[in-house]
Amino acid sequence: MNQRDLNDAEWSNPSNWSAGLYFSKKDTRVWVPKSIPWMGWTLNLGTRAGARWMIGLLIVLPLLMILLMSVVVRR
């Protein structure tokens, strides 16, 4: 079994999905299709890069919004 087959098998395994979040240490992909593929992509939180992306999104986006709001309010 090659890595692509392993990734597909992991993605198909319902135990790797919880509340729309995907967690698999065996799947090497950082971004994976959602469990319903036409709905887009999600992060594989089982990889270090996926966890870093999630932390970055949770920290950077609110800070960016605060910065933009402070600029708009000052005008």
PDB file of N, CA and C in Angstrom:
ATOM      1  N   MET A   1       0.846  -1.172   0.000  1.00  0.00           N
ATOM      2  CA  MET A   1       0.000   0.000   0.000  1.00  0.00           C
ATOM      3  C   MET A   1       0.894   1.240   0.000  1.00  0.00           C
ATOM      4  N   ASN A   2       0.683   2.131  -0.962  1.00  0.00           N
ATOM      5  CA  ASN A   2       1.491   3.350  -1.009  1.00  0.00           C
ATOM      6  C   ASN A   2       0.850   4.445  -0.153  1.00  0.00           C
ATOM      7  N   GLN A   3       1.539   5.563  -0.013  1.00  0.00           N
ATOM      8  CA  GLN A   3       1.063   6.640   0.869  1.00  0.00           C
ATOM      9  C   GLN A   3      -0.276   7.209   0.409  1.00  0.00           C
ATOM     10  N   ARG A   4      -0.477   7.290  -0.894  1.00  0.00           N
ATOM     11  CA  ARG A   4      -1.745   7.827  -1.403  1.00  0.00           C
ATOM     12  C   ARG A   4      -2.920   6.934  -0.987  1.00  0.00           C
ATOM     13  N   ASP A   5      -2.734   5.632  -1.095  1.00  0.00           N
ATOM     14  CA  ASP A   5      -3.775   4.690  -0.670  1.00  0.00           C
ATOM     15  C   ASP A   5      -4.016   4.785   0.835  1.00  0.00           C
ATOM     16  N   LEU A   6      -2.941   4.917   1.597  1.00  0.00           N
ATOM     17  CA  LEU A   6      -3.064   5.064   3.053  1.00  0.00           C
ATOM     18  C   LEU A   6      -3.811   6.350   3.398  1.00  0.00           C
ATOM     19  N   ASN A   7      -3.468   7.450   2.714  1.00  0.00           N
ATOM     20  CA  ASN A   7      -4.174   8.715   2.952  1.00  0.00           C
ATOM     21  C   ASN A   7      -5.663   8.565   2.663  1.00  0.00           C
ATOM     22  N   ASP A   8      -6.004   7.929   1.544  1.00  0.00           N
ATOM     23  CA  ASP A   8      -7.409   7.736   1.187  1.00  0.00           C
ATOM     24  C   ASP A   8      -8.132   6.852   2.203  1.00  0.00           C
ATOM     25  N   ALA A   9      -7.462   5.796   2.669  1.00  0.00           N
ATOM     26  CA  ALA A   9      -8.057   4.914   3.673  1.00  0.00           C
ATOM     27  C   ALA A   9      -8.290   5.651   4.987  1.00  0.00           C
ATOM     28  N   GLU A  10      -7.330   6.458   5.391  1.00  0.00           N
ATOM     29  CA  GLU A  10      -7.479   7.239   6.624  1.00  0.00           C
ATOM     30  C   GLU A  10      -8.614   8.247   6.504  1.00  0.00           C
ATOM     31  N   TRP A  11      -8.702   8.909   5.349  1.00  0.00           N
ATOM     32  CA  TRP A  11      -9.751   9.909   5.123  1.00  0.00           C
ATOM     33  C   TRP A  11     -11.125   9.259   5.165  1.00  0.00           C
ATOM     34  N   SER A  12     -11.234   8.032   4.669  1.00  0.00           N
ATOM     35  CA  SER A  12     -12.514   7.318   4.626  1.00  0.00           C
ATOM     36  C   SER A  12     -12.925   6.752   5.979  1.00  0.00           C
ATOM     37  N   ASN A  13     -12.007   6.683   6.909  1.00  0.00           N
ATOM     38  CA  ASN A  13     -12.285   6.098   8.219  1.00  0.00           C
ATOM     39  C   ASN A  13     -13.080   7.088   9.079  1.00  0.00           C
ATOM     40  N   PRO A  14     -14.338   6.749   9.426  1.00  0.00           N
ATOM     41  CA  PRO A  14     -15.164   7.686  10.208  1.00  0.00           C
ATOM     42  C   PRO A  14     -14.601   8.016  11.586  1.00  0.00           C
ATOM     43  N   SER A  15     -13.749   7.155  12.137  1.00  0.00           N
ATOM     44  CA  SER A  15     -13.204   7.445  13.470  1.00  0.00           C
ATOM     45  C   SER A  15     -12.188   8.589  13.445  1.00  0.00           C
ATOM     46  N   ASN A  16     -11.738   8.994  12.254  1.00  0.00           N
ATOM     47  CA  ASN A  16     -10.814  10.130  12.140  1.00  0.00           C
ATOM     48  C   ASN A  16     -11.546  11.461  12.045  1.00  0.00           C
ATOM     49  N   TRP A  17     -12.863  11.433  12.029  1.00  0.00           N
ATOM     50  CA  TRP A  17     -13.670  12.644  11.912  1.00  0.00           C
ATOM     51  C   TRP A  17     -14.446  12.864  13.206  1.00  0.00           C
ATOM     52  N   SER A  18     -14.441  14.084  13.685  1.00  0.00           N
ATOM     53  CA  SER A  18     -15.208  14.427  14.879  1.00  0.00           C
ATOM     54  C   SER A  18     -15.687  15.868  14.754  1.00  0.00           C
ATOM     55  N   ALA A  19     -16.996  16.041  14.710  1.00  0.00           N
ATOM     56  CA  ALA A  19     -17.602  17.378  14.614  1.00  0.00           C
ATOM     57  C   ALA A  19     -17.052  18.163  13.421  1.00  0.00           C
ATOM     58  N   GLY A  20     -16.822  17.492  12.315  1.00  0.00           N
ATOM     59  CA  GLY A  20     -16.331  18.153  11.115  1.00  0.00           C
ATOM     60  C   GLY A  20     -14.834  18.388  11.091  1.00  0.00           C
ATOM     61  N   LEU A  21     -14.131  17.987  12.146  1.00  0.00           N
ATOM     62  CA  LEU A  21     -12.680  18.136  12.203  1.00  0.00           C
ATOM     63  C   LEU A  21     -12.022  16.806  11.882  1.00  0.00           C
ATOM     64  N   TYR A  22     -10.887  16.873  11.210  1.00  0.00           N
ATOM     65  CA  TYR A  22     -10.174  15.673  10.783  1.00  0.00           C
ATOM     66  C   TYR A  22      -8.869  15.565  11.541  1.00  0.00           C
ATOM     67  N   PHE A  23      -8.610  14.368  12.099  1.00  0.00           N
ATOM     68  CA  PHE A  23      -7.401  14.135  12.867  1.00  0.00           C
ATOM     69  C   PHE A  23      -6.838  12.770  12.510  1.00  0.00           C
ATOM     70  N   SER A  24      -5.707  12.737  11.790  1.00  0.00           N
ATOM     71  CA  SER A  24      -5.051  11.475  11.446  1.00  0.00           C
ATOM     72  C   SER A  24      -3.547  11.691  11.366  1.00  0.00           C
ATOM     73  N   LYS A  25      -2.822  10.991  12.216  1.00  0.00           N
ATOM     74  CA  LYS A  25      -1.364  11.073  12.182  1.00  0.00           C
ATOM     75  C   LYS A  25      -0.774  10.289  11.022  1.00  0.00           C
ATOM     76  N   LYS A  26      -1.510   9.308  10.510  1.00  0.00           N
ATOM     77  CA  LYS A  26      -1.005   8.488   9.402  1.00  0.00           C
ATOM     78  C   LYS A  26      -1.164   9.188   8.054  1.00  0.00           C
ATOM     79  N   ASP A  27      -2.124  10.101   7.944  1.00  0.00           N
ATOM     80  CA  ASP A  27      -2.350  10.848   6.702  1.00  0.00           C
ATOM     81  C   ASP A  27      -1.343  11.993   6.656  1.00  0.00           C
ATOM     82  N   THR A  28      -0.546  12.052   5.605  1.00  0.00           N
ATOM     83  CA  THR A  28       0.528  13.046   5.519  1.00  0.00           C
ATOM     84  C   THR A  28       0.057  14.400   5.002  1.00  0.00           C
ATOM     85  N   ARG A  29      -1.163  14.493   4.519  1.00  0.00           N
ATOM     86  CA  ARG A  29      -1.649  15.757   3.959  1.00  0.00           C
ATOM     87  C   ARG A  29      -2.010  16.738   5.073  1.00  0.00           C
ATOM     88  N   VAL A  30      -1.747  18.013   4.836  1.00  0.00           N
ATOM     89  CA  VAL A  30      -2.125  19.057   5.794  1.00  0.00           C
ATOM     90  C   VAL A  30      -3.557  19.501   5.508  1.00  0.00           C
ATOM     91  N   TRP A  31      -3.869  19.758   4.270  1.00  0.00           N
ATOM     92  CA  TRP A  31      -5.218  20.142   3.852  1.00  0.00           C
ATOM     93  C   TRP A  31      -5.872  18.939   3.183  1.00  0.00           C
ATOM     94  N   VAL A  32      -7.057  18.569   3.634  1.00  0.00           N
ATOM     95  CA  VAL A  32      -7.786  17.428   3.076  1.00  0.00           C
ATOM     96  C   VAL A  32      -9.200  17.872   2.728  1.00  0.00           C
ATOM     97  N   PRO A  33      -9.835  17.195   1.767  1.00  0.00           N
ATOM     98  CA  PRO A  33     -11.233  17.524   1.483  1.00  0.00           C
ATOM     99  C   PRO A  33     -12.097  17.231   2.708  1.00  0.00           C
ATOM    100  N   LYS A  34     -13.131  18.018   2.894  1.00  0.00           N
ATOM    101  CA  LYS A  34     -14.044  17.753   4.001  1.00  0.00           C
ATOM    102  C   LYS A  34     -14.718  16.412   3.791  1.00  0.00           C
ATOM    103  N   SER A  35     -15.411  15.925   4.810  1.00  0.00           N
ATOM    104  CA  SER A  35     -16.072  14.624   4.699  1.00  0.00           C
ATOM    105  C   SER A  35     -17.124  14.633   3.597  1.00  0.00           C
ATOM    106  N   ILE A  36     -17.676  15.802   3.295  1.00  0.00           N
ATOM    107  CA  ILE A  36     -18.534  16.003   2.129  1.00  0.00           C
ATOM    108  C   ILE A  36     -17.705  16.890   1.194  1.00  0.00           C
ATOM    109  N   PRO A  37     -17.009  16.294   0.213  1.00  0.00           N
ATOM    110  CA  PRO A  37     -15.978  17.007  -0.552  1.00  0.00           C
ATOM    111  C   PRO A  37     -16.422  18.307  -1.228  1.00  0.00           C
ATOM    112  N   TRP A  38     -17.660  18.432  -1.670  1.00  0.00           N
ATOM    113  CA  TRP A  38     -18.066  19.666  -2.347  1.00  0.00           C
ATOM    114  C   TRP A  38     -18.135  20.846  -1.382  1.00  0.00           C
ATOM    115  N   MET A  39     -18.016  20.594  -0.085  1.00  0.00           N
ATOM    116  CA  MET A  39     -18.067  21.671   0.907  1.00  0.00           C
ATOM    117  C   MET A  39     -16.714  22.336   1.135  1.00  0.00           C
ATOM    118  N   GLY A  40     -15.657  21.837   0.477  1.00  0.00           N
ATOM    119  CA  GLY A  40     -14.361  22.504   0.598  1.00  0.00           C
ATOM    120  C   GLY A  40     -13.304  21.644   1.260  1.00  0.00           C
ATOM    121  N   TRP A  41     -12.402  22.311   1.953  1.00  0.00           N
ATOM    122  CA  TRP A  41     -11.236  21.667   2.549  1.00  0.00           C
ATOM    123  C   TRP A  41     -11.167  21.937   4.040  1.00  0.00           C
ATOM    124  N   THR A  42     -10.457  21.091   4.745  1.00  0.00           N
ATOM    125  CA  THR A  42     -10.241  21.273   6.169  1.00  0.00           C
ATOM    126  C   THR A  42      -8.805  20.885   6.510  1.00  0.00           C
ATOM    127  N   LEU A  43      -8.390  21.211   7.692  1.00  0.00           N
ATOM    128  CA  LEU A  43      -7.033  20.889   8.137  1.00  0.00           C
ATOM    129  C   LEU A  43      -6.976  19.502   8.753  1.00  0.00           C
ATOM    130  N   ASN A  44      -5.859  18.832   8.538  1.00  0.00           N
ATOM    131  CA  ASN A  44      -5.581  17.585   9.238  1.00  0.00           C
ATOM    132  C   ASN A  44      -4.862  17.964  10.528  1.00  0.00           C
ATOM    133  N   LEU A  45      -5.584  17.943  11.626  1.00  0.00           N
ATOM    134  CA  LEU A  45      -5.005  18.364  12.894  1.00  0.00           C
ATOM    135  C   LEU A  45      -4.072  17.314  13.490  1.00  0.00           C
ATOM    136  N   GLY A  46      -3.920  16.184  12.816  1.00  0.00           N
ATOM    137  CA  GLY A  46      -2.978  15.162  13.255  1.00  0.00           C
ATOM    138  C   GLY A  46      -1.549  15.436  12.807  1.00  0.00           C
ATOM    139  N   THR A  47      -1.367  16.423  11.953  1.00  0.00           N
ATOM    140  CA  THR A  47      -0.020  16.807  11.524  1.00  0.00           C
ATOM    141  C   THR A  47       0.405  18.070  12.260  1.00  0.00           C
ATOM    142  N   ARG A  48       1.686  18.239  12.445  1.00  0.00           N
ATOM    143  CA  ARG A  48       2.175  19.452  13.111  1.00  0.00           C
ATOM    144  C   ARG A  48       1.834  20.700  12.300  1.00  0.00           C
ATOM    145  N   ALA A  49       1.984  20.596  10.986  1.00  0.00           N
ATOM    146  CA  ALA A  49       1.677  21.747  10.132  1.00  0.00           C
ATOM    147  C   ALA A  49       0.198  22.104  10.219  1.00  0.00           C
ATOM    148  N   GLY A  50      -0.671  21.109  10.275  1.00  0.00           N
ATOM    149  CA  GLY A  50      -2.105  21.369  10.398  1.00  0.00           C
ATOM    150  C   GLY A  50      -2.444  22.059  11.709  1.00  0.00           C
ATOM    151  N   ALA A  51      -1.807  21.606  12.787  1.00  0.00           N
ATOM    152  CA  ALA A  51      -2.031  22.241  14.093  1.00  0.00           C
ATOM    153  C   ALA A  51      -1.505  23.678  14.093  1.00  0.00           C
ATOM    154  N   ARG A  52      -0.364  23.899  13.447  1.00  0.00           N
ATOM    155  CA  ARG A  52       0.180  25.264  13.369  1.00  0.00           C
ATOM    156  C   ARG A  52      -0.734  26.172  12.558  1.00  0.00           C
ATOM    157  N   TRP A  53      -1.261  25.652  11.455  1.00  0.00           N
ATOM    158  CA  TRP A  53      -2.212  26.444  10.659  1.00  0.00           C
ATOM    159  C   TRP A  53      -3.417  26.831  11.517  1.00  0.00           C
ATOM    160  N   MET A  54      -3.946  25.885  12.281  1.00  0.00           N
ATOM    161  CA  MET A  54      -5.131  26.166  13.110  1.00  0.00           C
ATOM    162  C   MET A  54      -4.816  27.223  14.157  1.00  0.00           C
ATOM    163  N   ILE A  55      -3.695  27.088  14.829  1.00  0.00           N
ATOM    164  CA  ILE A  55      -3.302  28.083  15.831  1.00  0.00           C
ATOM    165  C   ILE A  55      -3.103  29.442  15.173  1.00  0.00           C
ATOM    166  N   GLY A  56      -2.440  29.437  14.024  1.00  0.00           N
ATOM    167  CA  GLY A  56      -2.226  30.691  13.307  1.00  0.00           C
ATOM    168  C   GLY A  56      -3.535  31.357  12.920  1.00  0.00           C
ATOM    169  N   LEU A  57      -4.468  30.571  12.417  1.00  0.00           N
ATOM    170  CA  LEU A  57      -5.756  31.140  12.021  1.00  0.00           C
ATOM    171  C   LEU A  57      -6.524  31.669  13.224  1.00  0.00           C
ATOM    172  N   LEU A  58      -6.442  30.948  14.335  1.00  0.00           N
ATOM    173  CA  LEU A  58      -7.172  31.376  15.533  1.00  0.00           C
ATOM    174  C   LEU A  58      -6.554  32.609  16.192  1.00  0.00           C
ATOM    175  N   ILE A  59      -5.278  32.850  15.978  1.00  0.00           N
ATOM    176  CA  ILE A  59      -4.612  34.006  16.581  1.00  0.00           C
ATOM    177  C   ILE A  59      -4.500  35.175  15.600  1.00  0.00           C
ATOM    178  N   VAL A  60      -4.043  34.906  14.409  1.00  0.00           N
ATOM    179  CA  VAL A  60      -3.758  35.970  13.445  1.00  0.00           C
ATOM    180  C   VAL A  60      -5.028  36.653  12.931  1.00  0.00           C
ATOM    181  N   LEU A  61      -6.044  35.891  12.599  1.00  0.00           N
ATOM    182  CA  LEU A  61      -7.259  36.516  12.053  1.00  0.00           C
ATOM    183  C   LEU A  61      -7.920  37.496  13.025  1.00  0.00           C
ATOM    184  N   PRO A  62      -8.121  37.135  14.299  1.00  0.00           N
ATOM    185  CA  PRO A  62      -8.692  38.130  15.225  1.00  0.00           C
ATOM    186  C   PRO A  62      -7.796  39.361  15.405  1.00  0.00           C
ATOM    187  N   LEU A  63      -6.477  39.151  15.462  1.00  0.00           N
ATOM    188  CA  LEU A  63      -5.570  40.295  15.598  1.00  0.00           C
ATOM    189  C   LEU A  63      -5.651  41.206  14.379  1.00  0.00           C
ATOM    190  N   LEU A  64      -5.753  40.620  13.206  1.00  0.00           N
ATOM    191  CA  LEU A  64      -5.887  41.392  11.981  1.00  0.00           C
ATOM    192  C   LEU A  64      -7.191  42.185  11.980  1.00  0.00           C
ATOM    193  N   MET A  65      -8.263  41.576  12.436  1.00  0.00           N
ATOM    194  CA  MET A  65      -9.550  42.283  12.502  1.00  0.00           C
ATOM    195  C   MET A  65      -9.485  43.444  13.496  1.00  0.00           C
ATOM    196  N   ILE A  66      -8.856  43.232  14.635  1.00  0.00           N
ATOM    197  CA  ILE A  66      -8.708  44.303  15.631  1.00  0.00           C
ATOM    198  C   ILE A  66      -7.891  45.444  15.051  1.00  0.00           C
ATOM    199  N   LEU A  67      -6.815  45.126  14.371  1.00  0.00           N
ATOM    200  CA  LEU A  67      -5.979  46.148  13.750  1.00  0.00           C
ATOM    201  C   LEU A  67      -6.765  46.941  12.715  1.00  0.00           C
ATOM    202  N   LEU A  68      -7.482  46.271  11.857  1.00  0.00           N
ATOM    203  CA  LEU A  68      -8.268  46.955  10.837  1.00  0.00           C
ATOM    204  C   LEU A  68      -9.371  47.815  11.450  1.00  0.00           C
ATOM    205  N   MET A  69     -10.013  47.308  12.503  1.00  0.00           N
ATOM    206  CA  MET A  69     -11.066  48.097  13.171  1.00  0.00           C
ATOM    207  C   MET A  69     -10.488  49.340  13.817  1.00  0.00           C
ATOM    208  N   SER A  70      -9.302  49.232  14.393  1.00  0.00           N
ATOM    209  CA  SER A  70      -8.698  50.400  15.035  1.00  0.00           C
ATOM    210  C   SER A  70      -8.324  51.465  13.990  1.00  0.00           C
ATOM    211  N   VAL A  71      -7.920  51.036  12.820  1.00  0.00           N
ATOM    212  CA  VAL A  71      -7.589  51.969  11.750  1.00  0.00           C
ATOM    213  C   VAL A  71      -8.863  52.681  11.245  1.00  0.00           C
ATOM    214  N   VAL A  72      -9.929  51.924  11.085  1.00  0.00           N
ATOM    215  CA  VAL A  72     -11.188  52.499  10.596  1.00  0.00           C
ATOM    216  C   VAL A  72     -11.797  53.455  11.616  1.00  0.00           C
ATOM    217  N   VAL A  73     -11.742  53.123  12.889  1.00  0.00           N
ATOM    218  CA  VAL A  73     -12.322  53.966  13.937  1.00  0.00           C
ATOM    219  C   VAL A  73     -11.571  55.288  14.056  1.00  0.00           C
ATOM    220  N   ARG A  74     -10.288  55.292  13.842  1.00  0.00           N
ATOM    221  CA  ARG A  74      -9.486  56.508  13.968  1.00  0.00           C
ATOM    222  C   ARG A  74      -9.767  57.509  12.854  1.00  0.00           C
ATOM    223  N   ARG A  75     -10.334  57.091  11.759  1.00  0.00           N
ATOM    224  CA  ARG A  75     -10.582  58.004  10.636  1.00  0.00           C
ATOM    225  C   ARG A  75     -11.727  58.903  10.879  1.00  0.00           C
TER     226      ARG A  75
END
